[in-house]
């Protein structure tokens, strides 16, 4: 009977995770994976803080990103640049105006992409998005587990028959080790544009090939193209070779 109880519990855990609460809060596509250890308020201080930007008694766009408790100032605060938009919207966090301004996806007439001196990388934006989600709807996916599932049910009882969840479902054993794009960002010849769950979109710099840059994270180059000048973005109209080591920068898809 104990064996049957554990098996049913595992089916409930894997197949019936519960119901998604407030599904409209979540993006249709998964967010880019934040793989860097970034302190977001410190990032704002580094990239957005100066007397002519978002610091001081009269910050640009009436937006202070430097003083303590920055999240509290942004949440539910109306934008001064875009009518009807909220800087951080807890009901639709991925549509927050702050995130749009960092991604450059703000509506026409609602100011320029920020920070204009040096745009955030894709990896940095991913961590800002995570920071917004953590403080609005949390990172549990909005799922409430079934009320009758106790801790004994989840761990399968630790019996010999089940082997425990760690043996059967361990990430390293069955799903492979996670991709660590930060290994590329730590190198002088690589820059991370976007960290994904299954790979990295990066720049190969200083006449380094995509093959060599992808190898820094134990990945292979799936595609090499030209990079949009002044940005960290692929120009798919100009395909290149993964072993091309003649350019100062090129955009690589590492998988």
C-alpha atoms as a PDB file:
ATOM      1  CA  UNK A   1       0.000   0.000   0.000  1.00  0.00           C
ATOM      2  CA  UNK A   2       2.908   2.356   0.801  1.00  0.00           C
ATOM      3  CA  UNK A   3       4.337   1.700  -2.679  1.00  0.00           C
ATOM      4  CA  UNK A   4       0.992   2.535  -4.338  1.00  0.00           C
ATOM      5  CA  UNK A   5       0.621   5.682  -2.260  1.00  0.00           C
ATOM      6  CA  UNK A   6       4.082   6.905  -3.327  1.00  0.00           C
ATOM      7  CA  UNK A   7       3.463   6.139  -6.999  1.00  0.00           C
ATOM      8  CA  UNK A   8       0.162   8.024  -7.005  1.00  0.00           C
ATOM      9  CA  UNK A   9       1.863  10.960  -5.316  1.00  0.00           C
ATOM     10  CA  UNK A  10       4.563  11.069  -7.986  1.00  0.00           C
ATOM     11  CA  UNK A  11       1.928  11.054 -10.748  1.00  0.00           C
ATOM     12  CA  UNK A  12       0.197  13.963  -9.023  1.00  0.00           C
ATOM     13  CA  UNK A  13       3.498  15.809  -8.720  1.00  0.00           C
ATOM     14  CA  UNK A  14       4.477  15.385 -12.357  1.00  0.00           C
ATOM     15  CA  UNK A  15       1.145  15.343 -14.157  1.00  0.00           C
ATOM     16  CA  UNK A  16      -1.138  17.527 -12.063  1.00  0.00           C
ATOM     17  CA  UNK A  17       0.841  20.507 -10.793  1.00  0.00           C
ATOM     18  CA  UNK A  18      -2.230  22.540  -9.984  1.00  0.00           C
ATOM     19  CA  UNK A  19      -3.980  25.416 -11.690  1.00  0.00           C
ATOM     20  CA  UNK A  20      -2.312  28.550 -13.004  1.00  0.00           C
ATOM     21  CA  UNK A  21      -3.588  31.545 -11.096  1.00  0.00           C
ATOM     22  CA  UNK A  22      -4.009  34.810 -13.019  1.00  0.00           C
ATOM     23  CA  UNK A  23      -2.590  33.414 -16.296  1.00  0.00           C
ATOM     24  CA  UNK A  24      -2.807  36.841 -17.987  1.00  0.00           C
ATOM     25  CA  UNK A  25       0.098  37.983 -15.815  1.00  0.00           C
ATOM     26  CA  UNK A  26       2.493  35.603 -17.559  1.00  0.00           C
ATOM     27  CA  UNK A  27       4.161  36.049 -20.977  1.00  0.00           C
ATOM     28  CA  UNK A  28       3.157  33.692 -23.787  1.00  0.00           C
ATOM     29  CA  UNK A  29       6.837  32.881 -24.408  1.00  0.00           C
ATOM     30  CA  UNK A  30       9.273  31.941 -21.620  1.00  0.00           C
ATOM     31  CA  UNK A  31      11.406  34.771 -20.304  1.00  0.00           C
ATOM     32  CA  UNK A  32      15.077  34.793 -21.175  1.00  0.00           C
ATOM     33  CA  UNK A  33      17.002  32.970 -18.478  1.00  0.00           C
ATOM     34  CA  UNK A  34      18.911  35.129 -15.975  1.00  0.00           C
ATOM     35  CA  UNK A  35      22.205  33.359 -15.435  1.00  0.00           C
ATOM     36  CA  UNK A  36      24.289  36.194 -14.021  1.00  0.00           C
ATOM     37  CA  UNK A  37      24.611  37.191 -10.373  1.00  0.00           C
ATOM     38  CA  UNK A  38      23.374  40.755 -10.849  1.00  0.00           C
ATOM     39  CA  UNK A  39      22.276  43.168  -8.134  1.00  0.00           C
ATOM     40  CA  UNK A  40      19.693  45.132 -10.129  1.00  0.00           C
ATOM     41  CA  UNK A  41      19.654  48.313  -7.958  1.00  0.00           C
ATOM     42  CA  UNK A  42      23.472  48.339  -8.193  1.00  0.00           C
ATOM     43  CA  UNK A  43      23.173  47.901 -11.976  1.00  0.00           C
ATOM     44  CA  UNK A  44      20.895  50.958 -12.108  1.00  0.00           C
ATOM     45  CA  UNK A  45      23.383  52.953 -10.049  1.00  0.00           C
ATOM     46  CA  UNK A  46      26.197  51.957 -12.406  1.00  0.00           C
ATOM     47  CA  UNK A  47      24.404  52.492 -15.725  1.00  0.00           C
ATOM     48  CA  UNK A  48      21.768  55.132 -14.953  1.00  0.00           C
ATOM     49  CA  UNK A  49      23.216  57.287 -12.195  1.00  0.00           C
ATOM     50  CA  UNK A  50      24.521  60.774 -12.923  1.00  0.00           C
ATOM     51  CA  UNK A  51      23.423  64.355 -12.391  1.00  0.00           C
ATOM     52  CA  UNK A  52      22.018  64.454 -15.937  1.00  0.00           C
ATOM     53  CA  UNK A  53      20.240  61.108 -15.755  1.00  0.00           C
ATOM     54  CA  UNK A  54      18.173  59.401 -13.066  1.00  0.00           C
ATOM     55  CA  UNK A  55      19.822  60.772  -9.938  1.00  0.00           C
ATOM     56  CA  UNK A  56      19.495  63.857  -7.771  1.00  0.00           C
ATOM     57  CA  UNK A  57      16.680  66.225  -6.862  1.00  0.00           C
ATOM     58  CA  UNK A  58      15.498  66.649 -10.462  1.00  0.00           C
ATOM     59  CA  UNK A  59      16.139  63.336 -12.234  1.00  0.00           C
ATOM     60  CA  UNK A  60      15.361  62.844 -15.932  1.00  0.00           C
ATOM     61  CA  UNK A  61      11.707  61.967 -16.600  1.00  0.00           C
ATOM     62  CA  UNK A  62      11.114  62.497 -12.848  1.00  0.00           C
ATOM     63  CA  UNK A  63      12.535  59.000 -12.384  1.00  0.00           C
ATOM     64  CA  UNK A  64      14.978  58.390  -9.516  1.00  0.00           C
ATOM     65  CA  UNK A  65      16.716  55.028 -10.006  1.00  0.00           C
ATOM     66  CA  UNK A  66      19.506  55.647  -7.504  1.00  0.00           C
ATOM     67  CA  UNK A  67      18.022  56.306  -4.054  1.00  0.00           C
ATOM     68  CA  UNK A  68      17.200  53.330  -1.781  1.00  0.00           C
ATOM     69  CA  UNK A  69      13.915  51.386  -2.184  1.00  0.00           C
ATOM     70  CA  UNK A  70      13.886  51.814  -5.957  1.00  0.00           C
ATOM     71  CA  UNK A  71      11.307  49.059  -6.513  1.00  0.00           C
ATOM     72  CA  UNK A  72       8.784  50.751  -4.212  1.00  0.00           C
ATOM     73  CA  UNK A  73       9.125  53.957  -6.239  1.00  0.00           C
ATOM     74  CA  UNK A  74       8.607  52.170  -9.559  1.00  0.00           C
ATOM     75  CA  UNK A  75       5.697  49.885  -8.710  1.00  0.00           C
ATOM     76  CA  UNK A  76       2.351  51.291  -9.905  1.00  0.00           C
ATOM     77  CA  UNK A  77       4.032  54.601 -10.780  1.00  0.00           C
ATOM     78  CA  UNK A  78       2.721  56.226 -13.953  1.00  0.00           C
ATOM     79  CA  UNK A  79       5.268  57.009 -16.635  1.00  0.00           C
ATOM     80  CA  UNK A  80       5.822  60.697 -17.352  1.00  0.00           C
ATOM     81  CA  UNK A  81       6.762  59.854 -20.959  1.00  0.00           C
ATOM     82  CA  UNK A  82       3.974  57.519 -22.029  1.00  0.00           C
ATOM     83  CA  UNK A  83       0.307  58.041 -21.197  1.00  0.00           C
ATOM     84  CA  UNK A  84      -1.404  55.025 -19.693  1.00  0.00           C
ATOM     85  CA  UNK A  85       1.823  53.108 -18.987  1.00  0.00           C
ATOM     86  CA  UNK A  86       3.056  52.060 -15.566  1.00  0.00           C
ATOM     87  CA  UNK A  87       6.762  51.756 -14.777  1.00  0.00           C
ATOM     88  CA  UNK A  88       6.292  48.401 -13.015  1.00  0.00           C
ATOM     89  CA  UNK A  89       2.840  46.893 -13.422  1.00  0.00           C
ATOM     90  CA  UNK A  90       2.234  44.006 -10.981  1.00  0.00           C
ATOM     91  CA  UNK A  91      -0.801  42.877 -12.982  1.00  0.00           C
ATOM     92  CA  UNK A  92       1.275  42.561 -16.180  1.00  0.00           C
ATOM     93  CA  UNK A  93       4.937  42.587 -15.114  1.00  0.00           C
ATOM     94  CA  UNK A  94       6.332  41.640 -18.521  1.00  0.00           C
ATOM     95  CA  UNK A  95       4.542  44.658 -20.025  1.00  0.00           C
ATOM     96  CA  UNK A  96       6.002  47.093 -17.506  1.00  0.00           C
ATOM     97  CA  UNK A  97       7.190  50.300 -19.172  1.00  0.00           C
ATOM     98  CA  UNK A  98      10.562  50.013 -17.418  1.00  0.00           C
ATOM     99  CA  UNK A  99      11.224  46.687 -19.158  1.00  0.00           C
ATOM    100  CA  UNK A 100      10.094  48.058 -22.524  1.00  0.00           C
ATOM    101  CA  UNK A 101      12.483  51.011 -22.207  1.00  0.00           C
ATOM    102  CA  UNK A 102      15.420  48.704 -21.498  1.00  0.00           C
ATOM    103  CA  UNK A 103      14.515  46.394 -24.411  1.00  0.00           C
ATOM    104  CA  UNK A 104      13.796  49.247 -26.812  1.00  0.00           C
ATOM    105  CA  UNK A 105      10.217  48.039 -27.385  1.00  0.00           C
ATOM    106  CA  UNK A 106       8.475  51.138 -26.041  1.00  0.00           C
ATOM    107  CA  UNK A 107       5.705  52.659 -28.205  1.00  0.00           C
ATOM    108  CA  UNK A 108       6.517  55.390 -30.712  1.00  0.00           C
ATOM    109  CA  UNK A 109       6.497  58.802 -29.019  1.00  0.00           C
ATOM    110  CA  UNK A 110       7.392  57.372 -25.605  1.00  0.00           C
ATOM    111  CA  UNK A 111      11.045  58.343 -25.491  1.00  0.00           C
ATOM    112  CA  UNK A 112      14.203  56.530 -26.510  1.00  0.00           C
ATOM    113  CA  UNK A 113      15.658  53.217 -25.442  1.00  0.00           C
ATOM    114  CA  UNK A 114      17.598  53.486 -22.187  1.00  0.00           C
ATOM    115  CA  UNK A 115      20.238  53.780 -20.923  1.00  0.00           C
ATOM    116  CA  UNK A 116      21.154  55.714 -24.060  1.00  0.00           C
ATOM    117  CA  UNK A 117      24.880  55.960 -23.255  1.00  0.00           C
ATOM    118  CA  UNK A 118      25.291  52.183 -23.128  1.00  0.00           C
ATOM    119  CA  UNK A 119      22.346  49.810 -23.616  1.00  0.00           C
ATOM    120  CA  UNK A 120      22.065  46.883 -21.225  1.00  0.00           C
ATOM    121  CA  UNK A 121      23.070  43.522 -22.641  1.00  0.00           C
ATOM    122  CA  UNK A 122      20.466  40.834 -23.185  1.00  0.00           C
ATOM    123  CA  UNK A 123      21.793  38.991 -20.144  1.00  0.00           C
ATOM    124  CA  UNK A 124      21.408  42.091 -17.963  1.00  0.00           C
ATOM    125  CA  UNK A 125      17.870  42.743 -19.222  1.00  0.00           C
ATOM    126  CA  UNK A 126      16.957  39.131 -18.444  1.00  0.00           C
ATOM    127  CA  UNK A 127      18.020  39.697 -14.835  1.00  0.00           C
ATOM    128  CA  UNK A 128      16.006  42.931 -14.603  1.00  0.00           C
ATOM    129  CA  UNK A 129      12.962  41.004 -15.850  1.00  0.00           C
ATOM    130  CA  UNK A 130      13.570  38.329 -13.220  1.00  0.00           C
ATOM    131  CA  UNK A 131      13.903  41.050 -10.557  1.00  0.00           C
ATOM    132  CA  UNK A 132      10.529  42.505 -11.594  1.00  0.00           C
ATOM    133  CA  UNK A 133       8.842  39.080 -11.546  1.00  0.00           C
ATOM    134  CA  UNK A 134      10.338  38.166  -8.162  1.00  0.00           C
ATOM    135  CA  UNK A 135       8.852  41.250  -6.574  1.00  0.00           C
ATOM    136  CA  UNK A 136       5.451  41.170  -8.242  1.00  0.00           C
ATOM    137  CA  UNK A 137       4.134  37.639  -8.779  1.00  0.00           C
ATOM    138  CA  UNK A 138       7.023  35.544  -7.492  1.00  0.00           C
ATOM    139  CA  UNK A 139       8.960  32.763  -9.235  1.00  0.00           C
ATOM    140  CA  UNK A 140       6.691  29.829  -8.387  1.00  0.00           C
ATOM    141  CA  UNK A 141       4.943  30.089 -11.761  1.00  0.00           C
ATOM    142  CA  UNK A 142       1.719  31.131 -10.038  1.00  0.00           C
ATOM    143  CA  UNK A 143       0.878  27.497  -9.300  1.00  0.00           C
ATOM    144  CA  UNK A 144      -0.873  26.334  -6.157  1.00  0.00           C
ATOM    145  CA  UNK A 145      -0.224  22.605  -5.543  1.00  0.00           C
ATOM    146  CA  UNK A 146      -3.164  20.320  -4.629  1.00  0.00           C
ATOM    147  CA  UNK A 147      -4.174  20.926  -1.024  1.00  0.00           C
ATOM    148  CA  UNK A 148      -3.936  17.237  -0.026  1.00  0.00           C
ATOM    149  CA  UNK A 149      -0.322  16.788  -1.209  1.00  0.00           C
ATOM    150  CA  UNK A 150       1.879  16.731   1.865  1.00  0.00           C
ATOM    151  CA  UNK A 151       5.654  16.605   2.110  1.00  0.00           C
ATOM    152  CA  UNK A 152       5.599  12.799   2.572  1.00  0.00           C
ATOM    153  CA  UNK A 153       3.796  12.482  -0.760  1.00  0.00           C
ATOM    154  CA  UNK A 154       6.262  14.651  -2.630  1.00  0.00           C
ATOM    155  CA  UNK A 155       9.427  12.867  -1.570  1.00  0.00           C
ATOM    156  CA  UNK A 156       8.004   9.453  -2.329  1.00  0.00           C
ATOM    157  CA  UNK A 157       8.832   8.232   1.148  1.00  0.00           C
ATOM    158  CA  UNK A 158      12.498   7.678   0.315  1.00  0.00           C
ATOM    159  CA  UNK A 159      11.806   3.941  -0.104  1.00  0.00           C
ATOM    160  CA  UNK A 160      13.913   1.525  -2.158  1.00  0.00           C
ATOM    161  CA  UNK A 161      11.109   1.065  -4.694  1.00  0.00           C
ATOM    162  CA  UNK A 162      11.048   4.707  -5.777  1.00  0.00           C
ATOM    163  CA  UNK A 163      14.687   5.642  -5.238  1.00  0.00           C
ATOM    164  CA  UNK A 164      13.551   9.184  -4.336  1.00  0.00           C
ATOM    165  CA  UNK A 165      12.994  12.076  -6.712  1.00  0.00           C
ATOM    166  CA  UNK A 166      16.694  12.919  -6.700  1.00  0.00           C
ATOM    167  CA  UNK A 167      17.632   9.614  -8.320  1.00  0.00           C
ATOM    168  CA  UNK A 168      14.916   9.491 -10.982  1.00  0.00           C
ATOM    169  CA  UNK A 169      14.523  13.195 -11.766  1.00  0.00           C
ATOM    170  CA  UNK A 170      17.922  14.762 -11.043  1.00  0.00           C
ATOM    171  CA  UNK A 171      18.745  17.576 -13.460  1.00  0.00           C
ATOM    172  CA  UNK A 172      22.301  16.448 -14.053  1.00  0.00           C
ATOM    173  CA  UNK A 173      21.426  12.791 -14.630  1.00  0.00           C
ATOM    174  CA  UNK A 174      18.377  13.011 -16.873  1.00  0.00           C
ATOM    175  CA  UNK A 175      18.214  16.584 -18.154  1.00  0.00           C
ATOM    176  CA  UNK A 176      21.879  17.531 -18.573  1.00  0.00           C
ATOM    177  CA  UNK A 177      23.822  20.292 -16.864  1.00  0.00           C
ATOM    178  CA  UNK A 178      22.494  23.831 -17.160  1.00  0.00           C
ATOM    179  CA  UNK A 179      24.084  26.135 -19.721  1.00  0.00           C
ATOM    180  CA  UNK A 180      26.328  28.743 -18.096  1.00  0.00           C
ATOM    181  CA  UNK A 181      26.540  31.717 -20.465  1.00  0.00           C
ATOM    182  CA  UNK A 182      28.472  33.684 -17.845  1.00  0.00           C
ATOM    183  CA  UNK A 183      31.564  31.695 -18.838  1.00  0.00           C
ATOM    184  CA  UNK A 184      31.472  33.579 -22.148  1.00  0.00           C
ATOM    185  CA  UNK A 185      30.794  36.976 -20.586  1.00  0.00           C
ATOM    186  CA  UNK A 186      33.824  36.533 -18.314  1.00  0.00           C
ATOM    187  CA  UNK A 187      36.156  36.369 -21.338  1.00  0.00           C
ATOM    188  CA  UNK A 188      37.554  39.487 -23.024  1.00  0.00           C
ATOM    189  CA  UNK A 189      36.659  38.087 -26.459  1.00  0.00           C
ATOM    190  CA  UNK A 190      32.997  37.369 -25.714  1.00  0.00           C
ATOM    191  CA  UNK A 191      29.887  39.320 -24.761  1.00  0.00           C
ATOM    192  CA  UNK A 192      26.554  37.755 -23.826  1.00  0.00           C
ATOM    193  CA  UNK A 193      23.561  39.280 -25.627  1.00  0.00           C
ATOM    194  CA  UNK A 194      20.915  36.816 -24.446  1.00  0.00           C
ATOM    195  CA  UNK A 195      21.073  33.795 -22.133  1.00  0.00           C
ATOM    196  CA  UNK A 196      18.598  31.054 -23.030  1.00  0.00           C
ATOM    197  CA  UNK A 197      17.727  27.820 -21.266  1.00  0.00           C
ATOM    198  CA  UNK A 198      19.372  25.799 -24.046  1.00  0.00           C
ATOM    199  CA  UNK A 199      22.097  28.141 -25.268  1.00  0.00           C
ATOM    200  CA  UNK A 200      23.526  31.641 -25.560  1.00  0.00           C
ATOM    201  CA  UNK A 201      23.336  34.441 -28.133  1.00  0.00           C
ATOM    202  CA  UNK A 202      26.711  36.165 -27.939  1.00  0.00           C
ATOM    203  CA  UNK A 203      29.185  38.438 -29.669  1.00  0.00           C
ATOM    204  CA  UNK A 204      32.578  37.108 -30.711  1.00  0.00           C
ATOM    205  CA  UNK A 205      34.996  40.033 -30.398  1.00  0.00           C
ATOM    206  CA  UNK A 206      38.521  40.958 -31.479  1.00  0.00           C
ATOM    207  CA  UNK A 207      38.751  38.645 -34.493  1.00  0.00           C
ATOM    208  CA  UNK A 208      37.693  35.604 -32.483  1.00  0.00           C
ATOM    209  CA  UNK A 209      35.546  32.968 -34.182  1.00  0.00           C
ATOM    210  CA  UNK A 210      32.111  31.916 -32.968  1.00  0.00           C
ATOM    211  CA  UNK A 211      33.467  28.386 -32.609  1.00  0.00           C
ATOM    212  CA  UNK A 212      36.044  29.555 -30.084  1.00  0.00           C
ATOM    213  CA  UNK A 213      33.651  31.784 -28.132  1.00  0.00           C
ATOM    214  CA  UNK A 214      30.908  29.140 -27.899  1.00  0.00           C
ATOM    215  CA  UNK A 215      33.489  26.608 -26.705  1.00  0.00           C
ATOM    216  CA  UNK A 216      34.096  28.756 -23.608  1.00  0.00           C
ATOM    217  CA  UNK A 217      30.724  27.535 -22.285  1.00  0.00           C
ATOM    218  CA  UNK A 218      31.130  24.012 -23.658  1.00  0.00           C
ATOM    219  CA  UNK A 219      28.769  24.793 -26.568  1.00  0.00           C
ATOM    220  CA  UNK A 220      29.017  24.657 -30.351  1.00  0.00           C
ATOM    221  CA  UNK A 221      28.202  27.359 -32.867  1.00  0.00           C
ATOM    222  CA  UNK A 222      24.828  26.762 -34.522  1.00  0.00           C
ATOM    223  CA  UNK A 223      24.807  29.995 -36.560  1.00  0.00           C
ATOM    224  CA  UNK A 224      27.044  32.993 -37.207  1.00  0.00           C
ATOM    225  CA  UNK A 225      25.789  36.273 -38.695  1.00  0.00           C
ATOM    226  CA  UNK A 226      26.846  39.897 -38.798  1.00  0.00           C
ATOM    227  CA  UNK A 227      26.112  42.060 -35.772  1.00  0.00           C
ATOM    228  CA  UNK A 228      23.965  45.203 -35.920  1.00  0.00           C
ATOM    229  CA  UNK A 229      26.362  48.123 -35.489  1.00  0.00           C
ATOM    230  CA  UNK A 230      26.355  49.568 -31.982  1.00  0.00           C
ATOM    231  CA  UNK A 231      24.012  46.905 -30.610  1.00  0.00           C
ATOM    232  CA  UNK A 232      24.081  43.325 -29.407  1.00  0.00           C
ATOM    233  CA  UNK A 233      21.718  42.030 -32.084  1.00  0.00           C
ATOM    234  CA  UNK A 234      21.878  39.660 -35.042  1.00  0.00           C
ATOM    235  CA  UNK A 235      21.812  40.932 -38.626  1.00  0.00           C
ATOM    236  CA  UNK A 236      20.436  37.784 -40.260  1.00  0.00           C
ATOM    237  CA  UNK A 237      20.723  39.356 -43.711  1.00  0.00           C
ATOM    238  CA  UNK A 238      24.507  38.824 -43.557  1.00  0.00           C
ATOM    239  CA  UNK A 239      25.247  35.131 -42.817  1.00  0.00           C
ATOM    240  CA  UNK A 240      28.815  34.227 -41.864  1.00  0.00           C
ATOM    241  CA  UNK A 241      30.828  31.122 -41.051  1.00  0.00           C
ATOM    242  CA  UNK A 242      31.262  29.828 -37.504  1.00  0.00           C
ATOM    243  CA  UNK A 243      35.032  29.631 -38.010  1.00  0.00           C
ATOM    244  CA  UNK A 244      35.346  33.207 -39.339  1.00  0.00           C
ATOM    245  CA  UNK A 245      38.080  34.918 -37.297  1.00  0.00           C
ATOM    246  CA  UNK A 246      38.562  38.019 -39.448  1.00  0.00           C
ATOM    247  CA  UNK A 247      36.015  40.413 -37.873  1.00  0.00           C
ATOM    248  CA  UNK A 248      36.063  42.646 -34.827  1.00  0.00           C
ATOM    249  CA  UNK A 249      32.591  41.426 -33.897  1.00  0.00           C
ATOM    250  CA  UNK A 250      30.062  38.901 -35.140  1.00  0.00           C
ATOM    251  CA  UNK A 251      26.864  37.507 -33.668  1.00  0.00           C
ATOM    252  CA  UNK A 252      26.842  33.834 -32.642  1.00  0.00           C
ATOM    253  CA  UNK A 253      24.107  31.416 -31.666  1.00  0.00           C
ATOM    254  CA  UNK A 254      25.691  28.866 -29.319  1.00  0.00           C
ATOM    255  CA  UNK A 255      23.890  25.624 -28.476  1.00  0.00           C
END
